[in-house]
Structures are given as C-alpha cells and as structure tokens.
Amino acid sequence: MNYKPLLWLGIVVTGLHLSSCVSNESAELDERFARNCEVIRANNAGFISENQDYSMYADDFFMVNTNLNGSPDTLRLEDLMAEDAYLWSKYDFQFLLDPVLLPGVDSETQEPNASVRYYAPMKISKAATDSSEERTVVVRMYQTFDLNEEGKITIQMYYGDFTAAGIYLNS
C-alpha cells in the first residue's frame, strides 16, 4: 500500500490546524491591543483635561520614574495621583498631534503582548503671572503601558526631557 498520499494529507491537515491556532491567537491579541488602545486614549484624555479616571489602573500598578535627588525610582498609584495634582496646579498640557498607538512586545520573549506605546509631541505651558510671561515648551514624549487581562494599566513608563522643560518653564 502506498502511504505517501496519507502522509501528505496528514501534513496538510496538521498545517491547517496549526495555522488556524496561530490565526485565533493573533486575532485575540489584536482584540486585546485594540481594547488597550481605548484605555490609553482615555488615559491621555483624562490627563490633558485634568480629570483622570484612576480606576483604569490596577491595584499593583507602578510607574518607572527618573530617580533625581534621591526620589524613588518607582511611583505607586497614590504617588502618581499626587504627582498629577501637583503638575496640573503648575502647568497645562496638550498633545500637538494625536499619539500614534503602536503594539509593544514582551521584553523576554520578543513576542507581541498587547501592550501599548506611543510617540507624540506634548506642549507644556506655564501661565503668565504679574512678574512673568507665559512660557511654553514642547517635549517629545515616548510612553509605554502594560495592561493586565482586565484591561487595567499595570506598568507605565515615560521618556522625555522633562528636566530641561522644567528648568525653562520655571526660570
């Protein structure tokens, strides 16, 4: 009996099954990424409007922070809330372009993981006072967000030259 046709049939069926599994995993990942993008859009809108909905953050959330003058290198949610309130009391924030949200990857596996990252220029302004004119600076932002299965932000990291921006705005 010639088993070659059965062997080829088995290979084709196995290949189709594996490709459908990959396709399903890819579709689920795409759906999670799309959902996570909506969370990040809402997060950005809340920050800009100074009306953040902190329920989008997980209980175990932390933000990687630049460690200056002995400040902690991570912020917990309570710290972030206090930092946001402080920043809003001093500055106004505006994205000059809508952030283009891009998929991220797991740092260990290098596989897509539905995390969200973006690049966008942010305008930061300090209002004029009796003794100073309004000051404005543009910071080129890069942010990353990891979200859990429930769509809550677990890790947030940001990069931008905020030291130079702060020196200029407060001089």
Protein backbone atom coordinates (compact mmCIF):
# COMPACT_ATOMS: atom_id res chain seq x y z
CA MET A 1 0.00 0.00 0.00
CA ASN A 2 1.25 3.50 -0.88
CA TYR A 3 1.18 5.70 2.24
CA LYS A 4 2.51 8.87 0.56
CA PRO A 5 -0.97 10.35 -0.12
CA LEU A 6 -1.98 9.71 3.52
CA LEU A 7 1.27 11.23 4.75
CA TRP A 8 0.72 14.37 2.66
CA LEU A 9 -2.89 14.58 3.80
CA GLY A 10 -1.73 14.38 7.42
CA ILE A 11 0.84 17.12 6.87
CA VAL A 12 -1.72 19.39 5.17
CA VAL A 13 -4.34 18.83 7.92
CA THR A 14 -1.76 19.45 10.66
CA GLY A 15 -0.57 22.61 8.90
CA LEU A 16 -4.10 23.93 8.54
CA HIS A 17 -4.83 23.22 12.19
CA LEU A 18 -1.66 24.97 13.36
CA SER A 19 -2.30 27.98 11.14
CA SER A 20 -5.84 28.31 12.47
CA CYS A 21 -4.49 28.25 16.04
CA VAL A 22 -1.98 30.97 15.20
CA SER A 23 -4.72 32.94 13.47
CA ASN A 24 -7.00 32.67 16.53
CA GLU A 25 -4.18 33.72 18.86
CA SER A 26 -3.34 36.61 16.57
CA ALA A 27 -6.99 37.72 16.41
CA GLU A 28 -7.28 37.58 20.22
CA LEU A 29 -4.06 39.58 20.58
CA ASP A 30 -5.34 42.16 18.06
CA GLU A 31 -8.61 42.46 20.02
CA ARG A 32 -6.75 42.95 23.32
CA PHE A 33 -4.47 45.53 21.72
CA ALA A 34 -7.47 47.44 20.31
CA ARG A 35 -9.16 47.39 23.73
CA ASN A 36 -5.94 48.51 25.42
CA CYS A 37 -5.60 51.37 22.93
CA GLU A 38 -9.01 52.67 24.00
CA VAL A 39 -7.85 52.61 27.64
CA ILE A 40 -4.71 54.59 26.74
CA ARG A 41 -6.70 57.12 24.69
CA ALA A 42 -8.96 57.64 27.70
CA ASN A 43 -5.88 57.90 29.94
CA ASN A 44 -4.35 60.59 27.74
CA ALA A 45 -7.62 62.50 27.54
CA GLY A 46 -8.03 62.35 31.32
CA PHE A 47 -4.53 63.65 31.90
CA ILE A 48 -4.86 66.51 29.40
CA SER A 49 -8.27 67.53 30.77
CA GLU A 50 -7.00 67.27 34.37
CA ASN A 51 -9.77 64.81 35.15
CA GLN A 52 -8.08 61.42 35.26
CA ASP A 53 -10.10 58.26 35.91
CA TYR A 54 -7.71 56.33 38.14
CA SER A 55 -9.95 53.26 38.11
CA MET A 56 -8.19 52.30 34.86
CA TYR A 57 -5.10 51.45 36.94
CA ALA A 58 -4.55 48.02 38.52
CA ASP A 59 -4.04 47.67 42.27
CA ASP A 60 -0.43 46.55 41.68
CA PHE A 61 0.33 49.45 39.30
CA PHE A 62 3.67 51.16 39.25
CA MET A 63 5.34 53.78 37.09
CA VAL A 64 9.04 53.72 36.38
CA ASN A 65 10.30 57.15 37.42
CA THR A 66 13.52 59.04 36.78
CA ASN A 67 15.45 58.97 40.02
CA LEU A 68 16.58 62.54 40.74
CA ASN A 69 17.77 63.92 44.08
CA GLY A 70 17.08 60.65 45.87
CA SER A 71 13.47 60.44 44.68
CA PRO A 72 12.02 56.93 44.42
CA ASP A 73 12.59 55.14 41.12
CA THR A 74 9.02 53.84 41.05
CA LEU A 75 5.73 55.55 41.74
CA ARG A 76 2.69 53.72 43.05
CA LEU A 77 -0.83 54.85 42.18
CA GLU A 78 -1.12 57.15 45.21
CA ASP A 79 2.19 58.78 44.23
CA LEU A 80 1.03 59.20 40.65
CA MET A 81 -2.20 60.84 41.78
CA ALA A 82 -0.27 63.31 43.93
CA GLU A 83 2.22 63.98 41.12
CA ASP A 84 -0.59 64.60 38.63
CA ALA A 85 -2.32 67.03 41.01
CA TYR A 86 0.96 68.89 41.51
CA LEU A 87 1.67 69.11 37.76
CA TRP A 88 -1.87 70.27 36.97
CA SER A 89 -1.56 73.03 39.57
CA LYS A 90 1.51 74.42 37.79
CA TYR A 91 1.15 73.57 34.09
CA ASP A 92 -1.23 72.96 31.23
CA PHE A 93 -0.65 70.01 28.90
CA GLN A 94 -1.67 69.45 25.29
CA PHE A 95 -0.73 66.89 22.67
CA LEU A 96 0.23 68.68 19.47
CA LEU A 97 -0.61 65.56 17.45
CA ASP A 98 -2.78 62.62 18.33
CA PRO A 99 -0.44 59.93 19.63
CA VAL A 100 0.01 57.06 17.20
CA LEU A 101 -0.54 53.99 19.34
CA LEU A 102 1.73 51.08 18.49
CA PRO A 103 1.87 47.50 19.75
CA GLY A 104 4.60 46.52 22.16
CA VAL A 105 6.41 43.26 22.76
CA ASP A 106 7.37 41.20 25.78
CA SER A 107 10.95 42.12 26.70
CA GLU A 108 11.90 38.49 27.37
CA THR A 109 10.19 36.65 24.50
CA GLN A 110 10.20 39.49 21.94
CA GLU A 111 6.63 38.42 21.08
CA PRO A 112 3.72 40.87 20.75
CA ASN A 113 1.82 41.13 24.04
CA ALA A 114 -0.96 43.73 23.52
CA SER A 115 0.98 46.40 25.42
CA VAL A 116 0.74 49.92 24.03
CA ARG A 117 3.40 52.50 23.29
CA TYR A 118 3.40 55.83 21.53
CA TYR A 119 5.44 58.79 20.43
CA ALA A 120 3.90 62.25 20.46
CA PRO A 121 4.94 65.86 20.99
CA MET A 122 3.40 67.35 24.13
CA LYS A 123 3.13 71.08 24.72
CA ILE A 124 3.57 72.10 28.36
CA SER A 125 2.65 75.66 29.32
CA LYS A 126 3.07 77.70 32.47
CA ALA A 127 0.63 80.59 32.74
CA ALA A 128 1.79 84.19 32.92
CA THR A 129 1.93 85.89 36.30
CA ASP A 130 2.29 89.52 37.34
CA SER A 131 6.06 89.11 37.13
CA SER A 132 6.49 86.65 34.27
CA GLU A 133 5.26 85.93 30.78
CA GLU A 134 3.63 82.69 29.75
CA ARG A 135 6.20 80.01 28.97
CA THR A 136 5.71 77.06 26.67
CA VAL A 137 7.90 74.10 25.81
CA VAL A 138 7.42 71.04 23.61
CA VAL A 139 8.58 67.68 24.93
CA ARG A 140 8.83 64.76 22.56
CA MET A 141 7.11 62.05 24.57
CA TYR A 142 7.54 58.31 24.43
CA GLN A 143 5.33 56.27 26.74
CA THR A 144 4.74 52.58 27.22
CA PHE A 145 1.87 50.89 29.03
CA ASP A 146 1.45 47.27 30.09
CA LEU A 147 -2.11 46.21 30.83
CA ASN A 148 -3.44 43.10 32.52
CA GLU A 149 -6.13 40.74 31.21
CA GLU A 150 -8.84 43.01 32.69
CA GLY A 151 -7.53 45.96 30.67
CA LYS A 152 -6.11 47.79 33.71
CA ILE A 153 -2.76 49.57 33.49
CA THR A 154 -0.10 47.70 35.47
CA ILE A 155 3.11 49.42 34.35
CA GLN A 156 3.62 52.86 32.81
CA MET A 157 6.96 54.25 31.66
CA TYR A 158 7.61 57.63 30.10
CA TYR A 159 10.58 59.25 28.48
CA GLY A 160 11.10 62.88 27.59
CA ASP A 161 13.44 65.67 28.56
CA PHE A 162 11.39 66.96 31.47
CA THR A 163 14.46 68.26 33.28
CA ALA A 164 15.19 70.78 30.54
CA ALA A 165 11.48 71.57 30.23
CA GLY A 166 11.19 72.24 33.96
CA ILE A 167 14.31 74.43 34.02
CA TYR A 168 12.97 76.53 31.14
CA LEU A 169 9.40 76.77 32.45
CA ASN A 170 10.49 77.74 35.96
CA SER A 171 13.33 80.14 35.15
